Amino acid sequence: MRHVLFVCSGNFYRSRFAEAVFNFHAARLDAPCRAFSRGLATHLVAGAGDLSPHTREGLGARGIPLHHTGPAPVSLSRADLERALRVIALKEAEHRPLMREQFPAWEQRVEYWTIHDIDAAAPADALPLLEQRVITLLHEVRAGG
């Protein structure tokens, strides 16, 4: 089984959406790959609940069941990084400094995308872009990349 890791700050919105989209489509295609997600600053969402309402709504609109994402935000660990075939951090400007601080040996090994959080893009704009990137990634991973 090939694993893809999506990393964001709180593991509450973008990374959880990406994880669910990837896993939903991988299961439909019977692909031997799965995604999981983690956060670099999960303390930022402490007390906010288990999942962003934007993620919940975005997945619901696409008919993607919530069981395709984890049950709650989880902090990133070195073991998570080692387990993944590919590691995607969802916004370089936001996540590269955190990777450099927390996992300096991994900073250059992570693939950085530019998917804005709600402070810079509405979910109606960010989630379709993220969905497209995730589906493209799934096809790359299925092909062996």
N, C-alpha and C. Protein backbone atom coordinates (compact mmCIF):
# COMPACT_ATOMS: atom_id res chain seq x y z
N MET A 1 0.85 -1.18 0.00
CA MET A 1 0.00 0.00 0.00
C MET A 1 0.89 1.24 0.00
N ARG A 2 0.63 2.15 -0.92
CA ARG A 2 1.35 3.42 -0.96
C ARG A 2 0.57 4.47 -0.19
N HIS A 3 1.28 5.24 0.63
CA HIS A 3 0.63 6.26 1.45
C HIS A 3 1.06 7.65 1.05
N VAL A 4 0.09 8.54 0.98
CA VAL A 4 0.31 9.95 0.72
C VAL A 4 -0.09 10.69 1.99
N LEU A 5 0.74 11.65 2.37
CA LEU A 5 0.50 12.43 3.58
C LEU A 5 0.22 13.88 3.20
N PHE A 6 -0.93 14.39 3.64
CA PHE A 6 -1.27 15.80 3.46
C PHE A 6 -1.04 16.52 4.78
N VAL A 7 -0.31 17.62 4.71
CA VAL A 7 0.05 18.38 5.91
C VAL A 7 -0.48 19.80 5.78
N CYS A 8 -1.11 20.28 6.85
CA CYS A 8 -1.47 21.69 6.94
C CYS A 8 -1.23 22.13 8.37
N SER A 9 -1.78 23.23 8.74
CA SER A 9 -1.51 23.76 10.08
C SER A 9 -2.31 23.02 11.15
N GLY A 10 -3.63 23.11 11.08
CA GLY A 10 -4.45 22.57 12.14
C GLY A 10 -4.95 21.15 11.94
N ASN A 11 -4.78 20.60 10.73
CA ASN A 11 -5.34 19.28 10.41
C ASN A 11 -6.84 19.29 10.69
N PHE A 12 -7.47 20.35 10.20
CA PHE A 12 -8.87 20.62 10.51
C PHE A 12 -9.69 20.92 9.25
N TYR A 13 -9.05 21.48 8.23
CA TYR A 13 -9.77 21.96 7.06
C TYR A 13 -9.17 21.39 5.77
N ARG A 14 -8.10 21.99 5.27
CA ARG A 14 -7.56 21.62 3.96
C ARG A 14 -7.01 20.20 3.91
N SER A 15 -6.17 19.83 4.85
CA SER A 15 -5.55 18.50 4.79
C SER A 15 -6.59 17.40 4.97
N ARG A 16 -7.59 17.65 5.77
CA ARG A 16 -8.63 16.64 5.99
C ARG A 16 -9.50 16.50 4.74
N PHE A 17 -9.76 17.62 4.06
CA PHE A 17 -10.51 17.57 2.80
C PHE A 17 -9.71 16.78 1.77
N ALA A 18 -8.41 17.09 1.65
CA ALA A 18 -7.56 16.40 0.68
C ALA A 18 -7.51 14.90 0.97
N GLU A 19 -7.36 14.54 2.23
CA GLU A 19 -7.32 13.14 2.64
C GLU A 19 -8.60 12.42 2.21
N ALA A 20 -9.74 13.00 2.49
CA ALA A 20 -11.02 12.36 2.18
C ALA A 20 -11.23 12.23 0.67
N VAL A 21 -10.90 13.28 -0.08
CA VAL A 21 -11.06 13.23 -1.54
C VAL A 21 -10.17 12.13 -2.10
N PHE A 22 -8.91 12.10 -1.68
CA PHE A 22 -7.97 11.08 -2.17
C PHE A 22 -8.50 9.68 -1.85
N ASN A 23 -8.87 9.45 -0.60
CA ASN A 23 -9.29 8.11 -0.19
C ASN A 23 -10.59 7.67 -0.85
N PHE A 24 -11.51 8.58 -1.02
CA PHE A 24 -12.77 8.27 -1.69
C PHE A 24 -12.52 7.80 -3.12
N HIS A 25 -11.72 8.56 -3.86
CA HIS A 25 -11.46 8.20 -5.26
C HIS A 25 -10.55 6.99 -5.38
N ALA A 26 -9.59 6.84 -4.48
CA ALA A 26 -8.73 5.65 -4.49
C ALA A 26 -9.56 4.39 -4.26
N ALA A 27 -10.50 4.45 -3.35
CA ALA A 27 -11.37 3.29 -3.08
C ALA A 27 -12.24 2.98 -4.29
N ARG A 28 -12.78 4.00 -4.91
CA ARG A 28 -13.62 3.79 -6.10
C ARG A 28 -12.84 3.15 -7.24
N LEU A 29 -11.55 3.49 -7.33
CA LEU A 29 -10.70 2.95 -8.39
C LEU A 29 -10.00 1.65 -7.98
N ASP A 30 -10.24 1.22 -6.75
CA ASP A 30 -9.56 0.05 -6.19
C ASP A 30 -8.04 0.19 -6.31
N ALA A 31 -7.56 1.41 -6.06
CA ALA A 31 -6.13 1.71 -6.16
C ALA A 31 -5.41 1.31 -4.86
N PRO A 32 -4.20 0.79 -4.96
CA PRO A 32 -3.46 0.35 -3.77
C PRO A 32 -2.75 1.51 -3.07
N CYS A 33 -3.48 2.56 -2.80
CA CYS A 33 -2.90 3.72 -2.13
C CYS A 33 -3.97 4.38 -1.27
N ARG A 34 -3.49 5.01 -0.21
CA ARG A 34 -4.37 5.71 0.71
C ARG A 34 -3.66 6.96 1.21
N ALA A 35 -4.45 7.91 1.64
CA ALA A 35 -3.91 9.15 2.19
C ALA A 35 -4.21 9.22 3.68
N PHE A 36 -3.38 9.98 4.36
CA PHE A 36 -3.66 10.36 5.73
C PHE A 36 -3.21 11.80 5.87
N SER A 37 -3.61 12.45 6.96
CA SER A 37 -3.30 13.87 7.10
C SER A 37 -2.87 14.18 8.52
N ARG A 38 -2.08 15.24 8.62
CA ARG A 38 -1.56 15.66 9.92
C ARG A 38 -1.42 17.18 9.92
N GLY A 39 -1.20 17.74 11.12
CA GLY A 39 -1.06 19.17 11.27
C GLY A 39 0.23 19.56 11.96
N LEU A 40 0.73 20.73 11.60
CA LEU A 40 1.95 21.27 12.20
C LEU A 40 1.66 22.17 13.39
N ALA A 41 0.42 22.57 13.57
CA ALA A 41 0.06 23.48 14.66
C ALA A 41 -1.37 23.18 15.12
N THR A 42 -1.62 21.94 15.50
CA THR A 42 -2.98 21.54 15.86
C THR A 42 -3.52 22.28 17.08
N HIS A 43 -2.62 22.85 17.86
CA HIS A 43 -3.07 23.63 19.02
C HIS A 43 -3.94 24.82 18.59
N LEU A 44 -3.79 25.25 17.36
CA LEU A 44 -4.57 26.39 16.87
C LEU A 44 -6.05 26.07 16.73
N VAL A 45 -6.40 24.78 16.63
CA VAL A 45 -7.80 24.40 16.48
C VAL A 45 -8.35 23.69 17.71
N ALA A 46 -7.58 23.70 18.78
CA ALA A 46 -8.04 23.05 20.02
C ALA A 46 -9.37 23.65 20.44
N GLY A 47 -10.32 22.80 20.71
CA GLY A 47 -11.64 23.25 21.14
C GLY A 47 -12.57 23.64 20.00
N ALA A 48 -12.10 23.55 18.75
CA ALA A 48 -12.93 23.94 17.61
C ALA A 48 -13.78 22.80 17.08
N GLY A 49 -13.59 21.60 17.61
CA GLY A 49 -14.33 20.44 17.12
C GLY A 49 -13.42 19.51 16.35
N ASP A 50 -14.02 18.50 15.75
CA ASP A 50 -13.23 17.47 15.08
C ASP A 50 -12.94 17.77 13.62
N LEU A 51 -13.73 18.65 12.98
CA LEU A 51 -13.58 18.90 11.55
C LEU A 51 -14.17 20.26 11.21
N SER A 52 -13.49 20.97 10.32
CA SER A 52 -13.99 22.26 9.87
C SER A 52 -15.37 22.12 9.23
N PRO A 53 -16.26 23.04 9.52
CA PRO A 53 -17.56 23.00 8.84
C PRO A 53 -17.42 23.17 7.33
N HIS A 54 -16.37 23.86 6.88
CA HIS A 54 -16.14 24.02 5.44
C HIS A 54 -15.77 22.67 4.81
N THR A 55 -14.99 21.89 5.52
CA THR A 55 -14.63 20.56 5.03
C THR A 55 -15.86 19.67 5.00
N ARG A 56 -16.58 19.68 6.08
CA ARG A 56 -17.80 18.86 6.19
C ARG A 56 -18.76 19.20 5.04
N GLU A 57 -18.97 20.49 4.81
CA GLU A 57 -19.87 20.94 3.75
C GLU A 57 -19.34 20.57 2.36
N GLY A 58 -18.03 20.80 2.15
CA GLY A 58 -17.43 20.48 0.85
C GLY A 58 -17.49 19.00 0.52
N LEU A 59 -17.25 18.17 1.51
CA LEU A 59 -17.33 16.72 1.28
C LEU A 59 -18.78 16.30 1.04
N GLY A 60 -19.69 16.85 1.83
CA GLY A 60 -21.10 16.53 1.66
C GLY A 60 -21.61 16.89 0.27
N ALA A 61 -21.20 18.04 -0.22
CA ALA A 61 -21.63 18.49 -1.56
C ALA A 61 -21.12 17.56 -2.65
N ARG A 62 -20.03 16.85 -2.37
CA ARG A 62 -19.45 15.93 -3.35
C ARG A 62 -19.85 14.48 -3.10
N GLY A 63 -20.66 14.26 -2.09
CA GLY A 63 -21.11 12.90 -1.78
C GLY A 63 -20.00 12.02 -1.20
N ILE A 64 -19.03 12.65 -0.54
CA ILE A 64 -17.90 11.91 0.03
C ILE A 64 -18.16 11.70 1.52
N PRO A 65 -18.32 10.45 1.94
CA PRO A 65 -18.57 10.17 3.35
C PRO A 65 -17.40 10.58 4.24
N LEU A 66 -17.73 11.00 5.45
CA LEU A 66 -16.71 11.49 6.39
C LEU A 66 -15.74 10.41 6.84
N HIS A 67 -16.09 9.14 6.69
CA HIS A 67 -15.16 8.09 7.13
C HIS A 67 -13.89 8.03 6.27
N HIS A 68 -13.84 8.80 5.20
CA HIS A 68 -12.63 8.84 4.37
C HIS A 68 -11.56 9.77 4.94
N THR A 69 -11.85 10.43 6.05
CA THR A 69 -10.84 11.22 6.75
C THR A 69 -10.78 10.74 8.20
N GLY A 70 -9.72 11.12 8.87
CA GLY A 70 -9.55 10.71 10.27
C GLY A 70 -10.61 11.32 11.17
N PRO A 71 -10.72 10.82 12.40
CA PRO A 71 -11.76 11.28 13.31
C PRO A 71 -11.49 12.61 13.99
N ALA A 72 -10.22 13.05 14.01
CA ALA A 72 -9.87 14.28 14.73
C ALA A 72 -8.51 14.78 14.26
N PRO A 73 -8.21 16.05 14.52
CA PRO A 73 -6.87 16.56 14.17
C PRO A 73 -5.77 15.79 14.90
N VAL A 74 -4.67 15.55 14.18
CA VAL A 74 -3.52 14.82 14.71
C VAL A 74 -2.26 15.60 14.35
N SER A 75 -1.35 15.72 15.30
CA SER A 75 -0.07 16.40 15.06
C SER A 75 0.87 15.52 14.25
N LEU A 76 1.65 16.17 13.39
CA LEU A 76 2.63 15.49 12.56
C LEU A 76 3.77 14.93 13.40
N SER A 77 4.22 13.72 13.05
CA SER A 77 5.36 13.10 13.70
C SER A 77 6.37 12.65 12.64
N ARG A 78 7.57 12.38 13.09
CA ARG A 78 8.60 11.87 12.18
C ARG A 78 8.17 10.53 11.58
N ALA A 79 7.53 9.68 12.38
CA ALA A 79 7.05 8.39 11.88
C ALA A 79 6.06 8.58 10.73
N ASP A 80 5.21 9.61 10.81
CA ASP A 80 4.28 9.90 9.72
C ASP A 80 5.04 10.23 8.44
N LEU A 81 6.06 11.06 8.56
CA LEU A 81 6.86 11.45 7.40
C LEU A 81 7.55 10.24 6.79
N GLU A 82 8.06 9.36 7.61
CA GLU A 82 8.77 8.17 7.13
C GLU A 82 7.84 7.17 6.47
N ARG A 83 6.59 7.16 6.86
CA ARG A 83 5.60 6.20 6.34
C ARG A 83 5.12 6.57 4.94
N ALA A 84 5.22 7.84 4.59
CA ALA A 84 4.60 8.32 3.36
C ALA A 84 5.51 8.22 2.14
N LEU A 85 4.91 7.80 1.04
CA LEU A 85 5.58 7.82 -0.25
C LEU A 85 5.78 9.26 -0.71
N ARG A 86 4.75 10.07 -0.53
CA ARG A 86 4.81 11.50 -0.87
C ARG A 86 4.20 12.29 0.26
N VAL A 87 4.83 13.44 0.53
CA VAL A 87 4.35 14.34 1.57
C VAL A 87 4.03 15.67 0.89
N ILE A 88 2.79 16.10 1.05
CA ILE A 88 2.32 17.34 0.45
C ILE A 88 1.95 18.31 1.56
N ALA A 89 2.62 19.45 1.62
CA ALA A 89 2.22 20.53 2.51
C ALA A 89 1.38 21.49 1.68
N LEU A 90 0.27 21.91 2.21
CA LEU A 90 -0.73 22.56 1.37
C LEU A 90 -0.50 24.03 1.06
N LYS A 91 0.39 24.69 1.78
CA LYS A 91 0.71 26.08 1.42
C LYS A 91 2.15 26.37 1.81
N GLU A 92 2.98 26.56 0.82
CA GLU A 92 4.41 26.72 1.07
C GLU A 92 4.72 27.87 2.02
N ALA A 93 4.15 29.04 1.78
CA ALA A 93 4.48 30.19 2.62
C ALA A 93 4.11 29.96 4.09
N GLU A 94 3.13 29.18 4.32
CA GLU A 94 2.64 28.89 5.67
C GLU A 94 3.37 27.70 6.31
N HIS A 95 3.64 26.68 5.51
CA HIS A 95 4.11 25.41 6.08
C HIS A 95 5.61 25.17 5.98
N ARG A 96 6.28 25.78 5.02
CA ARG A 96 7.73 25.58 4.95
C ARG A 96 8.44 26.07 6.22
N PRO A 97 8.11 27.25 6.74
CA PRO A 97 8.77 27.68 7.98
C PRO A 97 8.51 26.72 9.16
N LEU A 98 7.31 26.18 9.24
CA LEU A 98 6.99 25.24 10.31
C LEU A 98 7.74 23.92 10.12
N MET A 99 7.86 23.48 8.87
CA MET A 99 8.64 22.26 8.60
C MET A 99 10.10 22.50 8.98
N ARG A 100 10.64 23.66 8.59
CA ARG A 100 12.04 23.98 8.89
C ARG A 100 12.27 23.98 10.40
N GLU A 101 11.32 24.50 11.15
CA GLU A 101 11.44 24.58 12.60
C GLU A 101 11.27 23.22 13.29
N GLN A 102 10.27 22.46 12.85
CA GLN A 102 9.92 21.22 13.54
C GLN A 102 10.60 19.97 12.98
N PHE A 103 10.82 19.94 11.67
CA PHE A 103 11.40 18.77 11.00
C PHE A 103 12.40 19.24 9.95
N PRO A 104 13.51 19.85 10.38
CA PRO A 104 14.43 20.47 9.42
C PRO A 104 14.98 19.49 8.38
N ALA A 105 15.17 18.25 8.74
CA ALA A 105 15.68 17.27 7.78
C ALA A 105 14.68 16.97 6.67
N TRP A 106 13.44 17.34 6.89
CA TRP A 106 12.38 17.04 5.91
C TRP A 106 11.96 18.26 5.08
N GLU A 107 12.43 19.42 5.42
CA GLU A 107 11.96 20.64 4.73
C GLU A 107 12.08 20.52 3.21
N GLN A 108 13.19 20.03 2.73
CA GLN A 108 13.42 19.94 1.28
C GLN A 108 12.81 18.71 0.64
N ARG A 109 12.32 17.79 1.44
CA ARG A 109 11.76 16.54 0.92
C ARG A 109 10.24 16.60 0.76
N VAL A 110 9.67 17.69 1.16
CA VAL A 110 8.22 17.89 1.10
C VAL A 110 7.88 18.60 -0.20
N GLU A 111 6.77 18.22 -0.79
CA GLU A 111 6.23 18.92 -1.96
C GLU A 111 5.26 19.98 -1.44
N TYR A 112 5.47 21.22 -1.85
CA TYR A 112 4.65 22.33 -1.36
C TYR A 112 3.69 22.80 -2.45
N TRP A 113 2.43 22.87 -2.09
CA TRP A 113 1.41 23.42 -2.97
C TRP A 113 1.05 24.82 -2.48
N THR A 114 0.13 25.48 -3.20
CA THR A 114 -0.37 26.78 -2.76
C THR A 114 -1.89 26.74 -2.74
N ILE A 115 -2.40 26.19 -1.66
CA ILE A 115 -3.84 26.16 -1.42
C ILE A 115 -4.08 27.03 -0.20
N HIS A 116 -4.72 28.15 -0.41
CA HIS A 116 -4.91 29.14 0.65
C HIS A 116 -5.91 28.68 1.70
N ASP A 117 -5.67 29.12 2.92
CA ASP A 117 -6.60 28.93 4.03
C ASP A 117 -7.70 29.98 3.90
N ILE A 118 -8.69 29.93 4.79
CA ILE A 118 -9.84 30.83 4.68
C ILE A 118 -9.49 32.30 4.88
N ASP A 119 -8.29 32.60 5.39
CA ASP A 119 -7.89 34.00 5.52
C ASP A 119 -7.53 34.62 4.17
N ALA A 120 -7.28 33.78 3.16
CA ALA A 120 -6.85 34.30 1.86
C ALA A 120 -7.71 33.83 0.69
N ALA A 121 -8.56 32.84 0.91
CA ALA A 121 -9.43 32.35 -0.16
C ALA A 121 -10.68 31.72 0.44
N ALA A 122 -11.79 32.00 -0.18
CA ALA A 122 -13.05 31.39 0.26
C ALA A 122 -13.01 29.89 -0.03
N PRO A 123 -13.62 29.08 0.82
CA PRO A 123 -13.67 27.64 0.54
C PRO A 123 -14.25 27.32 -0.84
N ALA A 124 -15.19 28.13 -1.30
CA ALA A 124 -15.77 27.89 -2.63
C ALA A 124 -14.74 28.01 -3.74
N ASP A 125 -13.64 28.72 -3.48
CA ASP A 125 -12.55 28.83 -4.45
C ASP A 125 -11.44 27.82 -4.17
N ALA A 126 -11.09 27.67 -2.89
CA ALA A 126 -9.96 26.82 -2.52
C ALA A 126 -10.24 25.34 -2.68
N LEU A 127 -11.43 24.89 -2.28
CA LEU A 127 -11.69 23.44 -2.29
C LEU A 127 -11.75 22.84 -3.70
N PRO A 128 -12.36 23.48 -4.68
CA PRO A 128 -12.30 22.89 -6.04
C PRO A 128 -10.86 22.80 -6.58
N LEU A 129 -10.05 23.81 -6.29
CA LEU A 129 -8.65 23.76 -6.71
C LEU A 129 -7.92 22.61 -6.02
N LEU A 130 -8.14 22.47 -4.73
CA LEU A 130 -7.53 21.38 -3.98
C LEU A 130 -8.00 20.03 -4.50
N GLU A 131 -9.28 19.92 -4.77
CA GLU A 131 -9.84 18.66 -5.30
C GLU A 131 -9.15 18.27 -6.61
N GLN A 132 -8.97 19.22 -7.51
CA GLN A 132 -8.31 18.94 -8.79
C GLN A 132 -6.87 18.47 -8.58
N ARG A 133 -6.14 19.15 -7.70
CA ARG A 133 -4.75 18.77 -7.43
C ARG A 133 -4.67 17.36 -6.83
N VAL A 134 -5.60 17.05 -5.93
CA VAL A 134 -5.60 15.74 -5.27
C VAL A 134 -5.90 14.64 -6.27
N ILE A 135 -6.85 14.84 -7.14
CA ILE A 135 -7.19 13.81 -8.14
C ILE A 135 -6.03 13.60 -9.10
N THR A 136 -5.37 14.67 -9.50
CA THR A 136 -4.18 14.54 -10.34
C THR A 136 -3.10 13.75 -9.61
N LEU A 137 -2.88 14.06 -8.35
CA LEU A 137 -1.90 13.35 -7.54
C LEU A 137 -2.26 11.87 -7.44
N LEU A 138 -3.51 11.55 -7.22
CA LEU A 138 -3.93 10.16 -7.13
C LEU A 138 -3.54 9.39 -8.39
N HIS A 139 -3.77 9.98 -9.55
CA HIS A 139 -3.42 9.31 -10.80
C HIS A 139 -1.90 9.15 -10.93
N GLU A 140 -1.15 10.11 -10.46
CA GLU A 140 0.32 9.98 -10.48
C GLU A 140 0.77 8.85 -9.56
N VAL A 141 0.20 8.78 -8.37
CA VAL A 141 0.57 7.73 -7.42
C VAL A 141 0.17 6.36 -7.94
N ARG A 142 -0.99 6.26 -8.52
CA ARG A 142 -1.44 4.98 -9.12
C ARG A 142 -0.49 4.52 -10.20
N ALA A 143 0.07 5.48 -10.93
CA ALA A 143 0.98 5.14 -12.04
C ALA A 143 2.39 4.83 -11.52
N GLY A 144 2.58 4.93 -10.21
CA GLY A 144 3.88 4.58 -9.66
C GLY A 144 4.72 5.75 -9.22
N GLY A 145 4.19 6.97 -9.31
CA GLY A 145 4.98 8.15 -8.96
C GLY A 145 4.73 8.74 -7.63
